[in-house]
Amino acid sequence: MSKIIGAVEIGTAKAKALVGEVTENGNLSIVGMASRPNEGMRKGEIVDFHKAADAVHAAIAEAEKMSGTTVDSVYLAQTGSHLRGQMLTGSASVSSSDNRVSVSDLERASSEAKLRQPEAGRSYVHHVRTPIILDGRPVDDPVGMLGNRIDLGYWSIDGDDQAIRLALHVLKNYGLDVSDLILSSIASSTMMAGPDLRRAGVLVVDLGSGVTDLALYRHGYVAYTGVIPVGGDHITGDLSMGLRVLEPYAEKLKLEHGKATPDPSDEGEEVWIIGNKTIGDRSVSRKAISDVIHVRVVELFEIISKELGKLIDPEELKSGILLTGGGAQLPGIEEVASKVLGLPARKASFTPGSIAPELAKHENATVLGLLHYGLQDH
């Protein structure tokens, strides 16, 4: 018997809903997907509940209509600068007389790790387990092995209660339960960075409209996540101010002519703002567009560099940097990332044949990853 599962991303630019069907053999096929412009968000957080809810509800309704079915619960992406991560650790002595590790030993270590509660007004969103250590050695599954002490940890993300409740309430108003809250950066990483890349160590940078989500993996496990409150909308704003054009035209210039690295061949070339060369239209320098974008992109990666500090270690991040999200489409952005962070950088790509071509777009990485993460982890 197949099972229907859903995923929702309440993004700054768009609300996205996806319906998947899990077959009896565990395969996942996407049977419905829709997105709607979202004017109720800013920097990854809800600022107008009704506008955000309208966008989400319309996307869900369209995805359900496309799939010919309905969903009862969904996996929900979480992002926003209110999120914070920290490493929680716990340990337990092996209790059996023959020193064989039991499930109860793991449970005691896990309970100790999760004893620390977040500050008042905040709740945990996501616990991601780090390697299990048996007598100083990492092991995948120590149950039944001989040893004296178990250590384990979780990279645990907590967020502002009000921000979390607002997002949950958007779904509740549609009559849907939330199966799980999943960090946006982890969802997109699950989709774009395979197990081999994560084991070798990789930094996944998801460049969205309102924020940039980070997930850093070492030895196959999450070692850090973060949310930088800078995204594609800030580049559009910079162009609007720097070139003295309205934001819709600035967005058009960014998408059609923008580059993250100034190109000498653009010197002296002009492009038209509106494009019809009628009264009121005017031309701007293509180089000026790239210059404005370059400054903001360099600043973004400098913030990431400062945020990660010593975690940017070439020996620990053999897979380098993977760029995804809508902002990853900017030509030359990988060169800027590599120069600032000192690691090889490239644009992430979907495994050939894994996703239908019409869905295999960088901006869909999070909502697609939600279903795949939920399918694998739960």
Protein backbone atom coordinates (compact mmCIF):
# COMPACT_ATOMS: atom_id res chain seq x y z
CA MET A 1 0.00 0.00 0.00
CA SER A 2 1.48 3.35 -1.01
CA LYS A 3 1.65 6.31 1.35
CA ILE A 4 1.12 10.00 0.53
CA ILE A 5 3.45 12.51 2.24
CA GLY A 6 3.78 16.27 1.86
CA ALA A 7 6.37 19.01 2.26
CA VAL A 8 6.03 22.77 2.67
CA GLU A 9 8.62 25.53 2.46
CA ILE A 10 7.45 29.00 3.51
CA GLY A 11 10.11 30.92 1.60
CA THR A 12 10.78 34.64 1.52
CA ALA A 13 10.01 34.89 -2.20
CA LYS A 14 7.69 31.90 -2.67
CA ALA A 15 5.68 29.40 -0.69
CA LYS A 16 6.16 25.89 -2.06
CA ALA A 17 4.20 22.70 -1.50
CA LEU A 18 5.05 19.24 -2.69
CA VAL A 19 3.13 15.95 -2.58
CA GLY A 20 5.01 12.65 -2.81
CA GLU A 21 3.92 9.03 -3.02
CA VAL A 22 5.98 6.40 -1.21
CA THR A 23 5.48 2.99 -2.82
CA GLU A 24 5.55 -0.36 -1.02
CA ASN A 25 9.21 -0.88 -1.96
CA GLY A 26 10.14 2.50 -0.44
CA ASN A 27 10.59 4.49 -3.64
CA LEU A 28 9.43 8.12 -3.69
CA SER A 29 7.77 9.74 -6.67
CA ILE A 30 6.69 13.38 -6.82
CA VAL A 31 3.03 13.55 -7.83
CA GLY A 32 2.23 17.21 -7.17
CA MET A 33 4.12 20.47 -6.71
CA ALA A 34 3.16 24.13 -6.73
CA SER A 35 4.52 27.50 -5.65
CA ARG A 36 2.99 30.89 -5.03
CA PRO A 37 4.56 34.35 -4.54
CA ASN A 38 4.81 35.10 -0.83
CA GLU A 39 4.55 38.70 0.36
CA GLY A 40 4.19 37.76 4.02
CA MET A 41 7.86 36.98 4.72
CA ARG A 42 11.00 38.98 5.34
CA LYS A 43 14.44 37.46 5.90
CA GLY A 44 12.95 34.01 6.35
CA GLU A 45 10.43 35.03 9.02
CA ILE A 46 6.68 35.69 8.86
CA VAL A 47 5.84 39.38 9.11
CA ASP A 48 2.27 39.21 7.73
CA PHE A 49 0.46 36.05 8.81
CA HIS A 50 -2.51 36.38 6.45
CA LYS A 51 -0.40 36.97 3.33
CA ALA A 52 1.93 34.10 4.22
CA ALA A 53 -1.00 31.78 4.97
CA ASP A 54 -2.78 32.69 1.72
CA ALA A 55 0.34 31.88 -0.30
CA VAL A 56 0.94 28.57 1.49
CA HIS A 57 -2.70 27.46 1.31
CA ALA A 58 -2.89 28.26 -2.40
CA ALA A 59 0.30 26.27 -3.07
CA ILE A 60 -0.96 23.26 -1.09
CA ALA A 61 -4.34 23.32 -2.83
CA GLU A 62 -2.69 23.41 -6.27
CA ALA A 63 -0.23 20.61 -5.39
CA GLU A 64 -3.09 18.44 -4.08
CA LYS A 65 -5.13 19.14 -7.20
CA MET A 66 -2.21 18.15 -9.41
CA SER A 67 -1.67 14.94 -7.46
CA GLY A 68 -5.35 14.00 -7.37
CA THR A 69 -5.12 13.31 -3.66
CA THR A 70 -4.85 15.06 -0.28
CA VAL A 71 -2.26 15.03 2.49
CA ASP A 72 -2.95 14.86 6.22
CA SER A 73 0.46 16.01 7.43
CA VAL A 74 3.62 17.58 6.02
CA TYR A 75 7.30 18.07 6.69
CA LEU A 76 7.92 21.77 7.27
CA ALA A 77 11.17 23.63 6.53
CA GLN A 78 12.53 26.00 9.16
CA THR A 79 14.85 28.92 8.55
CA GLY A 80 15.34 32.46 9.82
CA SER A 81 17.92 34.35 11.85
CA HIS A 82 16.09 33.43 15.09
CA LEU A 83 17.53 29.89 14.82
CA ARG A 84 20.66 28.98 16.80
CA GLY A 85 22.67 25.77 16.93
CA GLN A 86 24.81 24.24 19.66
CA MET A 87 26.50 20.92 20.34
CA LEU A 88 24.98 18.87 23.17
CA THR A 89 26.90 15.86 24.50
CA GLY A 90 26.13 13.01 26.86
CA SER A 91 27.81 9.85 28.11
CA ALA A 92 27.01 6.61 29.92
CA SER A 93 28.96 3.73 31.39
CA VAL A 94 28.21 0.31 29.95
CA SER A 95 26.00 -1.29 32.59
CA SER A 96 26.07 -5.01 31.77
CA SER A 97 28.34 -7.37 33.71
CA ASP A 98 29.93 -8.66 30.48
CA ASN A 99 30.59 -5.11 29.22
CA ARG A 100 28.42 -5.51 26.13
CA VAL A 101 26.73 -2.31 25.02
CA SER A 102 22.93 -2.35 25.19
CA VAL A 103 20.22 -0.11 23.81
CA SER A 104 19.57 1.21 27.32
CA ASP A 105 23.20 2.45 27.51
CA LEU A 106 22.62 4.50 24.36
CA GLU A 107 19.32 5.80 25.70
CA ARG A 108 20.97 7.00 28.93
CA ALA A 109 23.71 8.81 27.00
CA SER A 110 21.10 10.36 24.71
CA SER A 111 18.95 11.51 27.64
CA GLU A 112 21.96 13.16 29.30
CA ALA A 113 22.82 14.98 26.06
CA LYS A 114 19.31 16.40 25.85
CA LEU A 115 19.08 17.50 29.49
CA ARG A 116 20.13 21.06 28.69
CA GLN A 117 17.08 23.14 27.90
CA PRO A 118 17.02 26.24 25.67
CA GLU A 119 16.48 29.71 27.08
CA ALA A 120 12.99 30.84 28.09
CA GLY A 121 10.85 31.60 25.06
CA ARG A 122 12.79 29.21 22.81
CA SER A 123 12.27 25.55 21.82
CA TYR A 124 14.29 22.90 20.04
CA VAL A 125 13.49 22.55 16.36
CA HIS A 126 15.89 19.81 15.34
CA HIS A 127 18.34 17.38 17.00
CA VAL A 128 20.89 15.92 14.58
CA ARG A 129 23.00 13.10 16.01
CA THR A 130 26.79 13.25 15.74
CA PRO A 131 29.07 10.15 15.79
CA ILE A 132 28.74 7.61 18.61
CA ILE A 133 32.04 7.11 20.44
CA LEU A 134 32.81 3.81 22.18
CA ASP A 135 35.91 4.05 24.39
CA GLY A 136 37.28 6.85 22.24
CA ARG A 137 36.54 5.19 18.87
CA PRO A 138 33.73 6.26 16.52
CA VAL A 139 31.34 3.40 15.70
CA ASP A 140 28.16 3.26 13.62
CA ASP A 141 26.21 0.93 15.94
CA PRO A 142 27.86 -0.14 19.22
CA VAL A 143 25.01 -2.35 20.46
CA GLY A 144 26.44 -5.80 21.25
CA MET A 145 30.06 -4.61 21.14
CA LEU A 146 32.43 -4.79 24.13
CA GLY A 147 33.30 -1.52 25.85
CA ASN A 148 33.20 0.60 28.96
CA ARG A 149 31.89 4.04 28.00
CA ILE A 150 29.53 5.50 25.40
CA ASP A 151 29.72 9.15 24.32
CA LEU A 152 27.34 10.73 21.84
CA GLY A 153 26.14 14.16 20.88
CA TYR A 154 23.60 16.16 18.94
CA TRP A 155 23.89 19.32 16.91
CA SER A 156 20.74 20.87 18.32
CA ILE A 157 18.94 23.85 16.81
CA ASP A 158 16.56 25.97 18.85
CA GLY A 159 14.35 28.82 17.72
CA ASP A 160 12.04 31.54 18.95
CA ASP A 161 8.74 30.08 20.18
CA GLN A 162 6.61 32.74 18.53
CA ALA A 163 8.28 32.31 15.12
CA ILE A 164 7.87 28.53 15.33
CA ARG A 165 4.22 28.76 16.44
CA LEU A 166 3.38 31.15 13.58
CA ALA A 167 4.73 28.72 10.99
CA LEU A 168 2.87 25.79 12.58
CA HIS A 169 -0.32 27.85 12.75
CA VAL A 170 -0.17 28.49 8.99
CA LEU A 171 -0.47 24.73 8.42
CA LYS A 172 -2.99 24.19 11.22
CA ASN A 173 -5.28 26.77 9.57
CA TYR A 174 -5.36 24.51 6.52
CA GLY A 175 -6.21 21.49 8.65
CA LEU A 176 -2.76 19.89 8.35
CA ASP A 177 -0.53 18.39 11.03
CA VAL A 178 3.24 18.83 10.87
CA SER A 179 5.07 15.48 10.87
CA ASP A 180 8.39 17.12 11.66
CA LEU A 181 10.24 20.42 11.54
CA ILE A 182 13.40 20.12 9.43
CA LEU A 183 16.07 22.76 9.09
CA SER A 184 16.13 24.21 5.56
CA SER A 185 19.90 23.86 5.24
CA ILE A 186 19.80 20.18 6.22
CA ALA A 187 16.91 19.51 3.85
CA SER A 188 18.71 21.05 0.85
CA SER A 189 21.98 19.32 1.82
CA THR A 190 20.23 15.96 1.88
CA MET A 191 19.13 16.60 -1.69
CA MET A 192 22.29 18.13 -3.13
CA ALA A 193 25.21 16.58 -1.19
CA GLY A 194 25.27 12.78 -1.30
CA PRO A 195 26.66 10.50 1.43
CA ASP A 196 30.14 10.36 -0.14
CA LEU A 197 30.46 14.17 -0.20
CA ARG A 198 29.25 14.43 3.39
CA ARG A 199 31.72 11.78 4.57
CA ALA A 200 34.60 13.60 2.87
CA GLY A 201 33.45 16.89 4.45
CA VAL A 202 31.50 19.61 2.67
CA LEU A 203 30.03 23.06 3.23
CA VAL A 204 26.61 23.50 1.60
CA VAL A 205 25.59 27.13 1.04
CA ASP A 206 21.92 27.64 0.09
CA LEU A 207 21.49 31.16 -1.27
CA GLY A 208 17.83 32.10 -0.91
CA SER A 209 15.89 35.30 -1.45
CA GLY A 210 15.85 36.52 2.15
CA VAL A 211 18.55 34.48 3.89
CA THR A 212 21.50 32.21 3.18
CA ASP A 213 21.43 28.83 4.94
CA LEU A 214 24.63 26.96 5.84
CA ALA A 215 25.26 23.32 6.67
CA LEU A 216 28.77 22.02 7.30
CA TYR A 217 29.45 18.27 7.36
CA ARG A 218 32.49 16.45 8.72
CA HIS A 219 32.89 12.66 8.53
CA GLY A 220 29.32 12.38 7.29
CA TYR A 221 27.74 14.26 10.20
CA VAL A 222 26.44 17.79 10.69
CA ALA A 223 29.08 19.82 12.51
CA TYR A 224 27.50 23.27 12.10
CA THR A 225 24.43 25.00 10.73
CA GLY A 226 23.70 28.70 10.46
CA VAL A 227 21.46 31.31 8.88
CA ILE A 228 22.94 34.50 7.43
CA PRO A 229 20.28 37.26 7.05
CA VAL A 230 21.52 38.19 3.57
CA GLY A 231 20.05 36.87 0.33
CA GLY A 232 19.12 37.64 -3.24
CA ASP A 233 16.66 40.36 -2.21
CA HIS A 234 19.55 42.37 -0.78
CA ILE A 235 21.34 42.27 -4.12
CA THR A 236 18.15 43.51 -5.80
CA GLY A 237 17.91 46.31 -3.24
CA ASP A 238 21.53 47.29 -3.84
CA LEU A 239 20.91 47.49 -7.59
CA SER A 240 17.76 49.52 -7.05
CA MET A 241 19.62 52.10 -4.96
CA GLY A 242 22.91 52.04 -6.86
CA LEU A 243 21.38 52.34 -10.32
CA ARG A 244 18.36 54.44 -9.21
CA VAL A 245 15.76 52.06 -10.65
CA LEU A 246 12.60 50.54 -9.23
CA GLU A 247 13.04 47.13 -7.56
CA PRO A 248 11.10 45.14 -10.22
CA TYR A 249 13.50 46.46 -12.86
CA ALA A 250 16.48 45.85 -10.57
CA GLU A 251 15.38 42.22 -10.18
CA LYS A 252 15.06 41.91 -13.96
CA LEU A 253 18.56 43.36 -14.47
CA LYS A 254 19.98 40.95 -11.88
CA LEU A 255 18.41 37.88 -13.48
CA GLU A 256 19.13 38.79 -17.09
CA HIS A 257 22.49 40.56 -16.87
CA GLY A 258 23.88 40.01 -13.37
CA LYS A 259 27.29 38.46 -12.70
CA ALA A 260 28.98 37.88 -9.35
CA THR A 261 32.40 38.71 -10.83
CA PRO A 262 33.00 41.74 -13.07
CA ASP A 263 33.79 40.68 -16.63
CA PRO A 264 36.27 42.80 -18.64
CA SER A 265 34.27 42.03 -21.79
CA ASP A 266 31.34 43.99 -20.31
CA GLU A 267 33.35 47.21 -20.35
CA GLY A 268 31.50 49.84 -22.36
CA GLU A 269 28.42 47.68 -22.96
CA GLU A 270 25.01 49.14 -22.12
CA VAL A 271 21.70 47.37 -21.40
CA TRP A 272 18.20 48.83 -21.31
CA ILE A 273 16.32 48.85 -17.99
CA ILE A 274 12.80 48.21 -19.26
CA GLY A 275 13.89 46.80 -22.59
CA ASN A 276 11.50 48.47 -25.02
CA LYS A 277 13.65 51.59 -25.62
CA THR A 278 10.59 53.84 -25.39
CA ILE A 279 10.18 57.11 -23.52
CA GLY A 280 11.09 56.57 -19.87
CA ASP A 281 13.44 53.68 -20.63
CA ARG A 282 17.16 54.27 -20.25
CA SER A 283 20.36 52.27 -20.48
CA VAL A 284 22.82 51.35 -17.74
CA SER A 285 26.32 49.96 -17.86
CA ARG A 286 26.47 46.17 -17.75
CA LYS A 287 29.72 46.51 -15.79
CA ALA A 288 27.98 48.71 -13.22
CA ILE A 289 25.43 45.94 -12.60
CA SER A 290 28.19 43.39 -11.98
CA ASP A 291 30.18 45.81 -9.80
CA VAL A 292 27.22 46.33 -7.46
CA ILE A 293 26.48 42.61 -7.26
CA HIS A 294 30.14 41.73 -6.68
CA VAL A 295 30.42 43.97 -3.61
CA ARG A 296 27.40 42.35 -1.93
CA VAL A 297 28.43 38.78 -2.81
CA VAL A 298 31.95 39.31 -1.45
CA GLU A 299 30.44 40.72 1.75
CA LEU A 300 28.17 37.68 2.10
CA PHE A 301 31.05 35.20 1.85
CA GLU A 302 33.16 37.32 4.21
CA ILE A 303 30.32 37.05 6.77
CA ILE A 304 30.25 33.28 6.22
CA SER A 305 34.03 33.14 6.70
CA LYS A 306 33.80 35.05 9.97
CA GLU A 307 30.87 32.90 11.14
CA LEU A 308 32.65 29.59 10.50
CA GLY A 309 36.16 30.62 11.52
CA LYS A 310 38.41 27.61 12.10
CA LEU A 311 35.73 25.22 10.84
CA ILE A 312 36.86 26.15 7.32
CA ASP A 313 39.60 23.55 7.25
CA PRO A 314 40.68 22.13 3.86
CA GLU A 315 41.74 18.88 5.55
CA GLU A 316 38.26 18.39 7.03
CA LEU A 317 36.32 19.66 4.00
CA LYS A 318 37.75 17.58 1.16
CA SER A 319 34.56 18.04 -0.91
CA GLY A 320 34.87 21.84 -0.71
CA ILE A 321 31.84 24.11 -1.08
CA LEU A 322 28.54 23.29 -2.77
CA LEU A 323 26.35 26.23 -3.79
CA THR A 324 22.61 25.81 -4.21
CA GLY A 325 19.41 27.87 -4.00
CA GLY A 326 18.26 30.50 -6.47
CA GLY A 327 21.29 32.73 -5.82
CA ALA A 328 23.64 29.97 -6.98
CA GLN A 329 22.56 30.75 -10.55
CA LEU A 330 24.59 33.98 -10.61
CA PRO A 331 27.44 33.50 -13.11
CA GLY A 332 30.82 33.58 -11.41
CA ILE A 333 29.54 33.14 -7.86
CA GLU A 334 31.61 29.99 -7.32
CA GLU A 335 34.81 31.92 -8.08
CA VAL A 336 33.94 34.51 -5.41
CA ALA A 337 33.10 31.80 -2.84
CA SER A 338 36.37 29.98 -3.52
CA LYS A 339 38.50 33.12 -3.34
CA VAL A 340 36.99 34.38 -0.07
CA LEU A 341 36.68 31.04 1.75
CA GLY A 342 39.84 29.43 0.41
CA LEU A 343 38.17 26.19 -0.70
CA PRO A 344 37.16 24.80 -4.10
CA ALA A 345 33.54 25.80 -4.81
CA ARG A 346 31.06 24.62 -7.40
CA LYS A 347 27.37 24.72 -8.11
CA ALA A 348 25.54 21.68 -6.80
CA SER A 349 23.74 19.43 -9.24
CA PHE A 350 20.98 16.86 -9.03
CA THR A 351 21.83 13.21 -9.63
CA PRO A 352 20.86 12.52 -13.26
CA GLY A 353 17.46 10.88 -13.45
CA SER A 354 16.72 11.34 -9.75
CA ILE A 355 14.30 14.24 -10.24
CA ALA A 356 12.08 15.22 -13.19
CA PRO A 357 13.82 17.92 -15.27
CA GLU A 358 11.06 20.48 -14.64
CA LEU A 359 11.65 20.15 -10.86
CA ALA A 360 15.44 19.81 -10.88
CA LYS A 361 16.15 23.47 -10.14
CA HIS A 362 18.36 24.92 -7.42
CA GLU A 363 15.50 26.90 -5.89
CA ASN A 364 13.62 23.62 -5.28
CA ALA A 365 16.44 21.95 -3.34
CA THR A 366 14.90 22.58 0.09
CA VAL A 367 11.35 21.45 -0.57
CA LEU A 368 12.55 18.35 -2.45
CA GLY A 369 15.04 17.62 0.33
CA LEU A 370 12.28 17.79 2.94
CA LEU A 371 10.61 14.69 1.53
CA HIS A 372 13.83 12.80 0.98
CA TYR A 373 15.10 13.62 4.47
CA GLY A 374 11.80 12.61 6.00
CA LEU A 375 11.76 9.37 4.00
CA GLN A 376 15.32 8.43 5.01
CA ASP A 377 15.41 9.63 8.60
CA HIS A 378 11.97 8.84 9.91
